[in-house]
Amino acid sequence: MPLVPSGPPLRDPLDPDPVRSTKARAVFALGLVAALTGLFVAGLVPATVGLWLARQARREAYASGGFLTGAAWLRRGERLAWTGVALAATAVVAALVVGLLQYAGTPVGQDFAPTVD
């Protein structure tokens, strides 16, 4: 009976070492900025850039065949970016509601004094 190694599979010495994707870290940072500034509507810009970079990073990680790591950072960054988008949307809806209530409270037409017929 031949002996079969039971340890981890041997890899080719010409294969590159697994490396964390630099875009994964950037996606996390942009997602964090988006979540922190989401209520000020300015969070839409870093959220959009972060989601765009996340898409590129996923494509590159898939093409690398497992030698680019950082999927956890990508997931966290995407969640934070979507949180920033949701906070910005909430701020816009709240501003619209307040604006409509202010507009509804203003009198229509010209307001005459009570002594004018």
PDB file of N, CA and C in Angstrom:
ATOM      1  N   MET A   1       0.846  -1.169   0.000  1.00  0.00           N
ATOM      2  CA  MET A   1       0.000   0.000   0.000  1.00  0.00           C
ATOM      3  C   MET A   1       0.899   1.243   0.000  1.00  0.00           C
ATOM      4  N   PRO A   2       0.671   2.202  -0.959  1.00  0.00           N
ATOM      5  CA  PRO A   2       1.514   3.409  -1.008  1.00  0.00           C
ATOM      6  C   PRO A   2       1.123   4.388   0.099  1.00  0.00           C
ATOM      7  N   LEU A   3       2.088   5.130   0.545  1.00  0.00           N
ATOM      8  CA  LEU A   3       1.847   6.138   1.585  1.00  0.00           C
ATOM      9  C   LEU A   3       1.345   7.425   0.934  1.00  0.00           C
ATOM     10  N   VAL A   4       0.282   7.980   1.504  1.00  0.00           N
ATOM     11  CA  VAL A   4      -0.302   9.225   1.012  1.00  0.00           C
ATOM     12  C   VAL A   4      -0.090  10.280   2.079  1.00  0.00           C
ATOM     13  N   PRO A   5       0.484  11.429   1.727  1.00  0.00           N
ATOM     14  CA  PRO A   5       0.678  12.460   2.755  1.00  0.00           C
ATOM     15  C   PRO A   5      -0.668  12.957   3.274  1.00  0.00           C
ATOM     16  N   SER A   6      -0.785  13.103   4.571  1.00  0.00           N
ATOM     17  CA  SER A   6      -2.052  13.534   5.174  1.00  0.00           C
ATOM     18  C   SER A   6      -2.044  15.005   5.566  1.00  0.00           C
ATOM     19  N   GLY A   7      -0.952  15.687   5.351  1.00  0.00           N
ATOM     20  CA  GLY A   7      -0.848  17.096   5.723  1.00  0.00           C
ATOM     21  C   GLY A   7      -1.492  18.000   4.682  1.00  0.00           C
ATOM     22  N   PRO A   8      -1.278  19.306   4.806  1.00  0.00           N
ATOM     23  CA  PRO A   8      -1.830  20.230   3.821  1.00  0.00           C
ATOM     24  C   PRO A   8      -1.213  19.960   2.453  1.00  0.00           C
ATOM     25  N   PRO A   9      -1.967  20.235   1.399  1.00  0.00           N
ATOM     26  CA  PRO A   9      -1.426  19.969   0.069  1.00  0.00           C
ATOM     27  C   PRO A   9      -0.200  20.843  -0.203  1.00  0.00           C
ATOM     28  N   LEU A  10       0.746  20.241  -0.858  1.00  0.00           N
ATOM     29  CA  LEU A  10       1.958  20.987  -1.206  1.00  0.00           C
ATOM     30  C   LEU A  10       1.639  21.922  -2.364  1.00  0.00           C
ATOM     31  N   ARG A  11       2.197  23.101  -2.302  1.00  0.00           N
ATOM     32  CA  ARG A  11       1.943  24.047  -3.381  1.00  0.00           C
ATOM     33  C   ARG A  11       3.198  24.216  -4.213  1.00  0.00           C
ATOM     34  N   ASP A  12       2.980  24.642  -5.402  1.00  0.00           N
ATOM     35  CA  ASP A  12       4.074  24.849  -6.335  1.00  0.00           C
ATOM     36  C   ASP A  12       4.944  26.003  -5.832  1.00  0.00           C
ATOM     37  N   PRO A  13       6.247  25.871  -5.853  1.00  0.00           N
ATOM     38  CA  PRO A  13       7.108  26.966  -5.375  1.00  0.00           C
ATOM     39  C   PRO A  13       7.020  28.230  -6.228  1.00  0.00           C
ATOM     40  N   LEU A  14       6.500  28.113  -7.446  1.00  0.00           N
ATOM     41  CA  LEU A  14       6.368  29.290  -8.292  1.00  0.00           C
ATOM     42  C   LEU A  14       5.081  30.065  -8.027  1.00  0.00           C
ATOM     43  N   ASP A  15       4.179  29.488  -7.229  1.00  0.00           N
ATOM     44  CA  ASP A  15       2.943  30.189  -6.894  1.00  0.00           C
ATOM     45  C   ASP A  15       3.251  31.388  -5.994  1.00  0.00           C
ATOM     46  N   PRO A  16       2.534  32.503  -6.197  1.00  0.00           N
ATOM     47  CA  PRO A  16       2.773  33.664  -5.317  1.00  0.00           C
ATOM     48  C   PRO A  16       2.182  33.413  -3.934  1.00  0.00           C
ATOM     49  N   ASP A  17       2.696  34.136  -2.962  1.00  0.00           N
ATOM     50  CA  ASP A  17       2.154  34.045  -1.610  1.00  0.00           C
ATOM     51  C   ASP A  17       0.812  34.755  -1.552  1.00  0.00           C
ATOM     52  N   PRO A  18      -0.140  34.238  -0.755  1.00  0.00           N
ATOM     53  CA  PRO A  18      -1.413  34.950  -0.598  1.00  0.00           C
ATOM     54  C   PRO A  18      -1.180  36.309   0.069  1.00  0.00           C
ATOM     55  N   VAL A  19      -1.817  37.326  -0.479  1.00  0.00           N
ATOM     56  CA  VAL A  19      -1.631  38.705  -0.009  1.00  0.00           C
ATOM     57  C   VAL A  19      -3.008  39.337   0.158  1.00  0.00           C
ATOM     58  N   ARG A  20      -3.153  40.167   1.193  1.00  0.00           N
ATOM     59  CA  ARG A  20      -4.410  40.888   1.370  1.00  0.00           C
ATOM     60  C   ARG A  20      -4.531  41.974   0.310  1.00  0.00           C
ATOM     61  N   SER A  21      -5.705  42.067  -0.264  1.00  0.00           N
ATOM     62  CA  SER A  21      -5.975  43.063  -1.293  1.00  0.00           C
ATOM     63  C   SER A  21      -5.933  44.462  -0.673  1.00  0.00           C
ATOM     64  N   THR A  22      -5.209  45.369  -1.320  1.00  0.00           N
ATOM     65  CA  THR A  22      -5.148  46.741  -0.812  1.00  0.00           C
ATOM     66  C   THR A  22      -6.487  47.450  -1.026  1.00  0.00           C
ATOM     67  N   LYS A  23      -7.226  47.018  -2.033  1.00  0.00           N
ATOM     68  CA  LYS A  23      -8.538  47.621  -2.264  1.00  0.00           C
ATOM     69  C   LYS A  23      -9.516  47.244  -1.159  1.00  0.00           C
ATOM     70  N   ALA A  24      -9.323  46.083  -0.537  1.00  0.00           N
ATOM     71  CA  ALA A  24     -10.214  45.667   0.543  1.00  0.00           C
ATOM     72  C   ALA A  24     -10.099  46.630   1.722  1.00  0.00           C
ATOM     73  N   ARG A  25      -8.896  47.022   2.033  1.00  0.00           N
ATOM     74  CA  ARG A  25      -8.690  47.976   3.129  1.00  0.00           C
ATOM     75  C   ARG A  25      -9.276  49.344   2.774  1.00  0.00           C
ATOM     76  N   ALA A  26      -9.124  49.756   1.510  1.00  0.00           N
ATOM     77  CA  ALA A  26      -9.676  51.040   1.064  1.00  0.00           C
ATOM     78  C   ALA A  26     -11.203  51.014   1.103  1.00  0.00           C
ATOM     79  N   VAL A  27     -11.807  49.886   0.724  1.00  0.00           N
ATOM     80  CA  VAL A  27     -13.265  49.760   0.773  1.00  0.00           C
ATOM     81  C   VAL A  27     -13.750  49.889   2.210  1.00  0.00           C
ATOM     82  N   PHE A  28     -13.044  49.265   3.144  1.00  0.00           N
ATOM     83  CA  PHE A  28     -13.434  49.375   4.552  1.00  0.00           C
ATOM     84  C   PHE A  28     -13.332  50.815   5.035  1.00  0.00           C
ATOM     85  N   ALA A  29     -12.247  51.495   4.696  1.00  0.00           N
ATOM     86  CA  ALA A  29     -12.065  52.880   5.133  1.00  0.00           C
ATOM     87  C   ALA A  29     -13.144  53.786   4.542  1.00  0.00           C
ATOM     88  N   LEU A  30     -13.442  53.609   3.257  1.00  0.00           N
ATOM     89  CA  LEU A  30     -14.477  54.434   2.628  1.00  0.00           C
ATOM     90  C   LEU A  30     -15.856  54.118   3.208  1.00  0.00           C
ATOM     91  N   GLY A  31     -16.113  52.858   3.499  1.00  0.00           N
ATOM     92  CA  GLY A  31     -17.382  52.486   4.121  1.00  0.00           C
ATOM     93  C   GLY A  31     -17.526  53.091   5.502  1.00  0.00           C
ATOM     94  N   LEU A  32     -16.441  53.113   6.257  1.00  0.00           N
ATOM     95  CA  LEU A  32     -16.483  53.720   7.591  1.00  0.00           C
ATOM     96  C   LEU A  32     -16.763  55.219   7.503  1.00  0.00           C
ATOM     97  N   VAL A  33     -16.110  55.900   6.577  1.00  0.00           N
ATOM     98  CA  VAL A  33     -16.350  57.334   6.387  1.00  0.00           C
ATOM     99  C   VAL A  33     -17.791  57.568   5.944  1.00  0.00           C
ATOM    100  N   ALA A  34     -18.306  56.698   5.070  1.00  0.00           N
ATOM    101  CA  ALA A  34     -19.685  56.836   4.599  1.00  0.00           C
ATOM    102  C   ALA A  34     -20.674  56.658   5.734  1.00  0.00           C
ATOM    103  N   ALA A  35     -20.427  55.693   6.609  1.00  0.00           N
ATOM    104  CA  ALA A  35     -21.340  55.466   7.727  1.00  0.00           C
ATOM    105  C   ALA A  35     -21.293  56.613   8.730  1.00  0.00           C
ATOM    106  N   LEU A  36     -20.108  57.193   8.927  1.00  0.00           N
ATOM    107  CA  LEU A  36     -19.985  58.284   9.889  1.00  0.00           C
ATOM    108  C   LEU A  36     -20.576  59.589   9.370  1.00  0.00           C
ATOM    109  N   THR A  37     -20.540  59.812   8.061  1.00  0.00           N
ATOM    110  CA  THR A  37     -21.038  61.064   7.495  1.00  0.00           C
ATOM    111  C   THR A  37     -22.346  60.877   6.739  1.00  0.00           C
ATOM    112  N   GLY A  38     -22.987  59.734   6.902  1.00  0.00           N
ATOM    113  CA  GLY A  38     -24.208  59.440   6.162  1.00  0.00           C
ATOM    114  C   GLY A  38     -25.351  60.384   6.458  1.00  0.00           C
ATOM    115  N   LEU A  39     -25.498  60.788   7.703  1.00  0.00           N
ATOM    116  CA  LEU A  39     -26.598  61.690   8.051  1.00  0.00           C
ATOM    117  C   LEU A  39     -26.429  63.079   7.461  1.00  0.00           C
ATOM    118  N   PHE A  40     -25.225  63.415   7.073  1.00  0.00           N
ATOM    119  CA  PHE A  40     -24.974  64.737   6.488  1.00  0.00           C
ATOM    120  C   PHE A  40     -25.042  64.701   4.970  1.00  0.00           C
ATOM    121  N   VAL A  41     -25.521  63.622   4.382  1.00  0.00           N
ATOM    122  CA  VAL A  41     -25.684  63.378   2.954  1.00  0.00           C
ATOM    123  C   VAL A  41     -24.333  63.347   2.233  1.00  0.00           C
ATOM    124  N   ALA A  42     -23.279  63.812   2.853  1.00  0.00           N
ATOM    125  CA  ALA A  42     -21.954  63.754   2.237  1.00  0.00           C
ATOM    126  C   ALA A  42     -21.426  62.333   2.217  1.00  0.00           C
ATOM    127  N   GLY A  43     -22.072  61.428   2.931  1.00  0.00           N
ATOM    128  CA  GLY A  43     -21.659  60.034   2.950  1.00  0.00           C
ATOM    129  C   GLY A  43     -21.927  59.306   1.650  1.00  0.00           C
ATOM    130  N   LEU A  44     -22.708  59.906   0.763  1.00  0.00           N
ATOM    131  CA  LEU A  44     -22.992  59.254  -0.514  1.00  0.00           C
ATOM    132  C   LEU A  44     -21.754  59.148  -1.391  1.00  0.00           C
ATOM    133  N   VAL A  45     -20.875  60.120  -1.325  1.00  0.00           N
ATOM    134  CA  VAL A  45     -19.686  60.118  -2.180  1.00  0.00           C
ATOM    135  C   VAL A  45     -18.738  58.976  -1.793  1.00  0.00           C
ATOM    136  N   PRO A  46     -18.303  58.874  -0.519  1.00  0.00           N
ATOM    137  CA  PRO A  46     -17.419  57.744  -0.200  1.00  0.00           C
ATOM    138  C   PRO A  46     -18.117  56.395  -0.312  1.00  0.00           C
ATOM    139  N   ALA A  47     -19.428  56.352  -0.081  1.00  0.00           N
ATOM    140  CA  ALA A  47     -20.152  55.089  -0.218  1.00  0.00           C
ATOM    141  C   ALA A  47     -20.151  54.624  -1.665  1.00  0.00           C
ATOM    142  N   THR A  48     -20.373  55.541  -2.581  1.00  0.00           N
ATOM    143  CA  THR A  48     -20.384  55.192  -4.003  1.00  0.00           C
ATOM    144  C   THR A  48     -19.006  54.722  -4.453  1.00  0.00           C
ATOM    145  N   VAL A  49     -17.976  55.431  -4.054  1.00  0.00           N
ATOM    146  CA  VAL A  49     -16.616  55.050  -4.435  1.00  0.00           C
ATOM    147  C   VAL A  49     -16.250  53.710  -3.790  1.00  0.00           C
ATOM    148  N   GLY A  50     -16.653  53.513  -2.541  1.00  0.00           N
ATOM    149  CA  GLY A  50     -16.361  52.258  -1.858  1.00  0.00           C
ATOM    150  C   GLY A  50     -17.043  51.065  -2.504  1.00  0.00           C
ATOM    151  N   LEU A  51     -18.301  51.227  -2.892  1.00  0.00           N
ATOM    152  CA  LEU A  51     -19.012  50.131  -3.559  1.00  0.00           C
ATOM    153  C   LEU A  51     -18.421  49.839  -4.932  1.00  0.00           C
ATOM    154  N   TRP A  52     -17.980  50.870  -5.616  1.00  0.00           N
ATOM    155  CA  TRP A  52     -17.347  50.697  -6.916  1.00  0.00           C
ATOM    156  C   TRP A  52     -16.015  49.945  -6.758  1.00  0.00           C
ATOM    157  N   LEU A  53     -15.221  50.319  -5.760  1.00  0.00           N
ATOM    158  CA  LEU A  53     -13.957  49.629  -5.505  1.00  0.00           C
ATOM    159  C   LEU A  53     -14.186  48.190  -5.053  1.00  0.00           C
ATOM    160  N   ALA A  54     -15.248  47.956  -4.291  1.00  0.00           N
ATOM    161  CA  ALA A  54     -15.541  46.599  -3.824  1.00  0.00           C
ATOM    162  C   ALA A  54     -15.826  45.686  -5.007  1.00  0.00           C
ATOM    163  N   ARG A  55     -16.519  46.199  -5.971  1.00  0.00           N
ATOM    164  CA  ARG A  55     -16.809  45.403  -7.171  1.00  0.00           C
ATOM    165  C   ARG A  55     -15.512  45.045  -7.901  1.00  0.00           C
ATOM    166  N   GLN A  56     -14.621  46.009  -8.028  1.00  0.00           N
ATOM    167  CA  GLN A  56     -13.331  45.749  -8.674  1.00  0.00           C
ATOM    168  C   GLN A  56     -12.506  44.747  -7.875  1.00  0.00           C
ATOM    169  N   ALA A  57     -12.499  44.909  -6.547  1.00  0.00           N
ATOM    170  CA  ALA A  57     -11.698  44.025  -5.698  1.00  0.00           C
ATOM    171  C   ALA A  57     -12.215  42.595  -5.769  1.00  0.00           C
ATOM    172  N   ARG A  58     -13.523  42.405  -5.802  1.00  0.00           N
ATOM    173  CA  ARG A  58     -14.080  41.049  -5.923  1.00  0.00           C
ATOM    174  C   ARG A  58     -13.675  40.422  -7.257  1.00  0.00           C
ATOM    175  N   ARG A  59     -13.713  41.200  -8.324  1.00  0.00           N
ATOM    176  CA  ARG A  59     -13.338  40.696  -9.636  1.00  0.00           C
ATOM    177  C   ARG A  59     -11.859  40.296  -9.643  1.00  0.00           C
ATOM    178  N   GLU A  60     -11.004  41.112  -9.045  1.00  0.00           N
ATOM    179  CA  GLU A  60      -9.576  40.805  -8.999  1.00  0.00           C
ATOM    180  C   GLU A  60      -9.291  39.595  -8.125  1.00  0.00           C
ATOM    181  N   ALA A  61      -9.999  39.473  -7.000  1.00  0.00           N
ATOM    182  CA  ALA A  61      -9.796  38.330  -6.110  1.00  0.00           C
ATOM    183  C   ALA A  61     -10.209  37.031  -6.799  1.00  0.00           C
ATOM    184  N   TYR A  62     -11.284  37.076  -7.562  1.00  0.00           N
ATOM    185  CA  TYR A  62     -11.724  35.887  -8.287  1.00  0.00           C
ATOM    186  C   TYR A  62     -10.712  35.501  -9.361  1.00  0.00           C
ATOM    187  N   ALA A  63     -10.188  36.497 -10.056  1.00  0.00           N
ATOM    188  CA  ALA A  63      -9.216  36.229 -11.119  1.00  0.00           C
ATOM    189  C   ALA A  63      -7.876  35.747 -10.559  1.00  0.00           C
ATOM    190  N   SER A  64      -7.565  36.076  -9.309  1.00  0.00           N
ATOM    191  CA  SER A  64      -6.279  35.688  -8.731  1.00  0.00           C
ATOM    192  C   SER A  64      -6.241  34.229  -8.314  1.00  0.00           C
ATOM    193  N   GLY A  65      -7.373  33.576  -8.275  1.00  0.00           N
ATOM    194  CA  GLY A  65      -7.389  32.163  -7.921  1.00  0.00           C
ATOM    195  C   GLY A  65      -7.128  31.898  -6.454  1.00  0.00           C
ATOM    196  N   GLY A  66      -7.463  32.820  -5.595  1.00  0.00           N
ATOM    197  CA  GLY A  66      -7.304  32.613  -4.160  1.00  0.00           C
ATOM    198  C   GLY A  66      -6.045  33.206  -3.567  1.00  0.00           C
ATOM    199  N   PHE A  67      -5.248  33.896  -4.364  1.00  0.00           N
ATOM    200  CA  PHE A  67      -4.022  34.475  -3.828  1.00  0.00           C
ATOM    201  C   PHE A  67      -4.214  35.898  -3.320  1.00  0.00           C
ATOM    202  N   LEU A  68      -5.390  36.483  -3.552  1.00  0.00           N
ATOM    203  CA  LEU A  68      -5.736  37.766  -2.944  1.00  0.00           C
ATOM    204  C   LEU A  68      -6.768  37.492  -1.864  1.00  0.00           C
ATOM    205  N   THR A  69      -6.470  37.919  -0.665  1.00  0.00           N
ATOM    206  CA  THR A  69      -7.388  37.705   0.457  1.00  0.00           C
ATOM    207  C   THR A  69      -8.007  39.034   0.855  1.00  0.00           C
ATOM    208  N   GLY A  70      -8.825  39.024   1.881  1.00  0.00           N
ATOM    209  CA  GLY A  70      -9.443  40.254   2.371  1.00  0.00           C
ATOM    210  C   GLY A  70     -10.939  40.297   2.143  1.00  0.00           C
ATOM    211  N   ALA A  71     -11.569  39.143   1.961  1.00  0.00           N
ATOM    212  CA  ALA A  71     -13.013  39.112   1.711  1.00  0.00           C
ATOM    213  C   ALA A  71     -13.795  39.639   2.915  1.00  0.00           C
ATOM    214  N   ALA A  72     -13.305  39.400   4.116  1.00  0.00           N
ATOM    215  CA  ALA A  72     -14.001  39.882   5.316  1.00  0.00           C
ATOM    216  C   ALA A  72     -13.989  41.410   5.362  1.00  0.00           C
ATOM    217  N   TRP A  73     -12.851  42.011   5.010  1.00  0.00           N
ATOM    218  CA  TRP A  73     -12.769  43.468   4.980  1.00  0.00           C
ATOM    219  C   TRP A  73     -13.712  44.034   3.924  1.00  0.00           C
ATOM    220  N   LEU A  74     -13.817  43.342   2.789  1.00  0.00           N
ATOM    221  CA  LEU A  74     -14.727  43.790   1.735  1.00  0.00           C
ATOM    222  C   LEU A  74     -16.176  43.753   2.220  1.00  0.00           C
ATOM    223  N   ARG A  75     -16.564  42.646   2.851  1.00  0.00           N
ATOM    224  CA  ARG A  75     -17.943  42.532   3.347  1.00  0.00           C
ATOM    225  C   ARG A  75     -18.260  43.626   4.357  1.00  0.00           C
ATOM    226  N   ARG A  76     -17.351  43.847   5.301  1.00  0.00           N
ATOM    227  CA  ARG A  76     -17.582  44.899   6.311  1.00  0.00           C
ATOM    228  C   ARG A  76     -17.669  46.276   5.661  1.00  0.00           C
ATOM    229  N   GLY A  77     -16.777  46.544   4.729  1.00  0.00           N
ATOM    230  CA  GLY A  77     -16.793  47.837   4.044  1.00  0.00           C
ATOM    231  C   GLY A  77     -18.060  48.051   3.248  1.00  0.00           C
ATOM    232  N   GLU A  78     -18.525  46.999   2.572  1.00  0.00           N
ATOM    233  CA  GLU A  78     -19.778  47.124   1.810  1.00  0.00           C
ATOM    234  C   GLU A  78     -20.956  47.368   2.737  1.00  0.00           C
ATOM    235  N   ARG A  79     -21.002  46.670   3.851  1.00  0.00           N
ATOM    236  CA  ARG A  79     -22.095  46.891   4.814  1.00  0.00           C
ATOM    237  C   ARG A  79     -22.082  48.317   5.343  1.00  0.00           C
ATOM    238  N   LEU A  80     -20.902  48.817   5.666  1.00  0.00           N
ATOM    239  CA  LEU A  80     -20.802  50.199   6.152  1.00  0.00           C
ATOM    240  C   LEU A  80     -21.193  51.191   5.070  1.00  0.00           C
ATOM    241  N   ALA A  81     -20.811  50.924   3.832  1.00  0.00           N
ATOM    242  CA  ALA A  81     -21.166  51.821   2.734  1.00  0.00           C
ATOM    243  C   ALA A  81     -22.684  51.838   2.531  1.00  0.00           C
ATOM    244  N   TRP A  82     -23.313  50.673   2.561  1.00  0.00           N
ATOM    245  CA  TRP A  82     -24.774  50.639   2.413  1.00  0.00           C
ATOM    246  C   TRP A  82     -25.462  51.298   3.607  1.00  0.00           C
ATOM    247  N   THR A  83     -24.859  51.212   4.790  1.00  0.00           N
ATOM    248  CA  THR A  83     -25.394  51.923   5.956  1.00  0.00           C
ATOM    249  C   THR A  83     -25.325  53.423   5.728  1.00  0.00           C
ATOM    250  N   GLY A  84     -24.216  53.904   5.166  1.00  0.00           N
ATOM    251  CA  GLY A  84     -24.088  55.320   4.844  1.00  0.00           C
ATOM    252  C   GLY A  84     -25.119  55.772   3.829  1.00  0.00           C
ATOM    253  N   VAL A  85     -25.399  54.935   2.827  1.00  0.00           N
ATOM    254  CA  VAL A  85     -26.420  55.266   1.828  1.00  0.00           C
ATOM    255  C   VAL A  85     -27.796  55.340   2.493  1.00  0.00           C
ATOM    256  N   ALA A  86     -28.078  54.375   3.370  1.00  0.00           N
ATOM    257  CA  ALA A  86     -29.380  54.367   4.058  1.00  0.00           C
ATOM    258  C   ALA A  86     -29.532  55.587   4.967  1.00  0.00           C
ATOM    259  N   LEU A  87     -28.468  55.960   5.659  1.00  0.00           N
ATOM    260  CA  LEU A  87     -28.529  57.146   6.520  1.00  0.00           C
ATOM    261  C   LEU A  87     -28.733  58.416   5.704  1.00  0.00           C
ATOM    262  N   ALA A  88     -28.079  58.510   4.559  1.00  0.00           N
ATOM    263  CA  ALA A  88     -28.256  59.681   3.692  1.00  0.00           C
ATOM    264  C   ALA A  88     -29.683  59.738   3.157  1.00  0.00           C
ATOM    265  N   ALA A  89     -30.223  58.589   2.765  1.00  0.00           N
ATOM    266  CA  ALA A  89     -31.610  58.561   2.279  1.00  0.00           C
ATOM    267  C   ALA A  89     -32.575  58.953   3.389  1.00  0.00           C
ATOM    268  N   THR A  90     -32.316  58.496   4.597  1.00  0.00           N
ATOM    269  CA  THR A  90     -33.159  58.864   5.739  1.00  0.00           C
ATOM    270  C   THR A  90     -33.103  60.364   5.996  1.00  0.00           C
ATOM    271  N   ALA A  91     -31.916  60.949   5.895  1.00  0.00           N
ATOM    272  CA  ALA A  91     -31.775  62.394   6.104  1.00  0.00           C
ATOM    273  C   ALA A  91     -32.521  63.180   5.030  1.00  0.00           C
ATOM    274  N   VAL A  92     -32.458  62.715   3.783  1.00  0.00           N
ATOM    275  CA  VAL A  92     -33.162  63.412   2.703  1.00  0.00           C
ATOM    276  C   VAL A  92     -34.670  63.318   2.894  1.00  0.00           C
ATOM    277  N   VAL A  93     -35.175  62.147   3.258  1.00  0.00           N
ATOM    278  CA  VAL A  93     -36.617  61.981   3.486  1.00  0.00           C
ATOM    279  C   VAL A  93     -37.070  62.840   4.667  1.00  0.00           C
ATOM    280  N   ALA A  94     -36.288  62.856   5.737  1.00  0.00           N
ATOM    281  CA  ALA A  94     -36.650  63.679   6.893  1.00  0.00           C
ATOM    282  C   ALA A  94     -36.670  65.160   6.528  1.00  0.00           C
ATOM    283  N   ALA A  95     -35.700  65.609   5.734  1.00  0.00           N
ATOM    284  CA  ALA A  95     -35.676  67.015   5.310  1.00  0.00           C
ATOM    285  C   ALA A  95     -36.877  67.340   4.425  1.00  0.00           C
ATOM    286  N   LEU A  96     -37.271  66.416   3.561  1.00  0.00           N
ATOM    287  CA  LEU A  96     -38.450  66.636   2.729  1.00  0.00           C
ATOM    288  C   LEU A  96     -39.729  66.724   3.563  1.00  0.00           C
ATOM    289  N   VAL A  97     -39.856  65.851   4.553  1.00  0.00           N
ATOM    290  CA  VAL A  97     -41.044  65.887   5.415  1.00  0.00           C
ATOM    291  C   VAL A  97     -41.105  67.195   6.181  1.00  0.00           C
ATOM    292  N   VAL A  98     -39.992  67.626   6.743  1.00  0.00           N
ATOM    293  CA  VAL A  98     -39.963  68.890   7.482  1.00  0.00           C
ATOM    294  C   VAL A  98     -40.277  70.053   6.550  1.00  0.00           C
ATOM    295  N   GLY A  99     -39.715  70.032   5.347  1.00  0.00           N
ATOM    296  CA  GLY A  99     -39.986  71.098   4.379  1.00  0.00           C
ATOM    297  C   GLY A  99     -41.450  71.138   3.968  1.00  0.00           C
ATOM    298  N   LEU A 100     -42.041  69.972   3.731  1.00  0.00           N
ATOM    299  CA  LEU A 100     -43.459  69.933   3.370  1.00  0.00           C
ATOM    300  C   LEU A 100     -44.348  70.412   4.512  1.00  0.00           C
ATOM    301  N   LEU A 101     -44.008  70.060   5.732  1.00  0.00           N
ATOM    302  CA  LEU A 101     -44.798  70.534   6.879  1.00  0.00           C
ATOM    303  C   LEU A 101     -44.670  72.044   7.053  1.00  0.00           C
ATOM    304  N   GLN A 102     -43.489  72.574   6.815  1.00  0.00           N
ATOM    305  CA  GLN A 102     -43.311  74.024   6.884  1.00  0.00           C
ATOM    306  C   GLN A 102     -44.108  74.721   5.782  1.00  0.00           C
ATOM    307  N   TYR A 103     -44.078  74.145   4.592  1.00  0.00           N
ATOM    308  CA  TYR A 103     -44.803  74.720   3.457  1.00  0.00           C
ATOM    309  C   TYR A 103     -46.314  74.650   3.683  1.00  0.00           C
ATOM    310  N   ALA A 104     -46.780  73.574   4.291  1.00  0.00           N
ATOM    311  CA  ALA A 104     -48.215  73.416   4.533  1.00  0.00           C
ATOM    312  C   ALA A 104     -48.716  74.387   5.600  1.00  0.00           C
ATOM    313  N   GLY A 105     -47.853  74.850   6.468  1.00  0.00           N
ATOM    314  CA  GLY A 105     -48.264  75.758   7.536  1.00  0.00           C
ATOM    315  C   GLY A 105     -48.323  77.213   7.118  1.00  0.00           C
ATOM    316  N   THR A 106     -47.815  77.553   5.948  1.00  0.00           N
ATOM    317  CA  THR A 106     -47.842  78.951   5.503  1.00  0.00           C
ATOM    318  C   THR A 106     -49.215  79.275   4.923  1.00  0.00           C
ATOM    319  N   PRO A 107     -49.713  80.510   5.155  1.00  0.00           N
ATOM    320  CA  PRO A 107     -51.023  80.883   4.622  1.00  0.00           C
ATOM    321  C   PRO A 107     -50.976  81.042   3.099  1.00  0.00           C
ATOM    322  N   VAL A 108     -52.115  80.767   2.470  1.00  0.00           N
ATOM    323  CA  VAL A 108     -52.220  80.859   1.021  1.00  0.00           C
ATOM    324  C   VAL A 108     -52.804  82.208   0.655  1.00  0.00           C
ATOM    325  N   GLY A 109     -52.226  82.894  -0.325  1.00  0.00           N
ATOM    326  CA  GLY A 109     -52.738  84.180  -0.776  1.00  0.00           C
ATOM    327  C   GLY A 109     -52.250  85.322   0.100  1.00  0.00           C
ATOM    328  N   GLN A 110     -52.876  86.486  -0.103  1.00  0.00           N
ATOM    329  CA  GLN A 110     -52.481  87.675   0.640  1.00  0.00           C
ATOM    330  C   GLN A 110     -53.219  87.701   1.961  1.00  0.00           C
ATOM    331  N   ASP A 111     -52.510  88.018   3.019  1.00  0.00           N
ATOM    332  CA  ASP A 111     -53.102  88.053   4.350  1.00  0.00           C
ATOM    333  C   ASP A 111     -53.416  89.510   4.712  1.00  0.00           C
ATOM    334  N   PHE A 112     -54.728  89.825   4.798  1.00  0.00           N
ATOM    335  CA  PHE A 112     -55.145  91.188   5.134  1.00  0.00           C
ATOM    336  C   PHE A 112     -55.330  91.314   6.641  1.00  0.00           C
ATOM    337  N   ALA A 113     -55.248  92.520   7.115  1.00  0.00           N
ATOM    338  CA  ALA A 113     -55.481  92.793   8.536  1.00  0.00           C
ATOM    339  C   ALA A 113     -56.938  92.512   8.873  1.00  0.00           C
ATOM    340  N   PRO A 114     -57.262  92.265  10.149  1.00  0.00           N
ATOM    341  CA  PRO A 114     -58.640  91.932  10.512  1.00  0.00           C
ATOM    342  C   PRO A 114     -59.611  93.085  10.305  1.00  0.00           C
ATOM    343  N   THR A 115     -59.129  94.310  10.216  1.00  0.00           N
ATOM    344  CA  THR A 115     -60.038  95.456  10.060  1.00  0.00           C
ATOM    345  C   THR A 115     -60.355  95.759   8.608  1.00  0.00           C
ATOM    346  N   VAL A 116     -59.792  95.047   7.654  1.00  0.00           N
ATOM    347  CA  VAL A 116     -60.011  95.291   6.233  1.00  0.00           C
ATOM    348  C   VAL A 116     -61.181  94.434   5.772  1.00  0.00           C
ATOM    349  N   ASP A 117     -62.130  95.071   5.012  1.00  0.00           N
ATOM    350  CA  ASP A 117     -63.266  94.317   4.451  1.00  0.00           C
ATOM    351  C   ASP A 117     -62.924  93.708   3.149  1.00  0.00           C
TER     352      ASP A 117
END
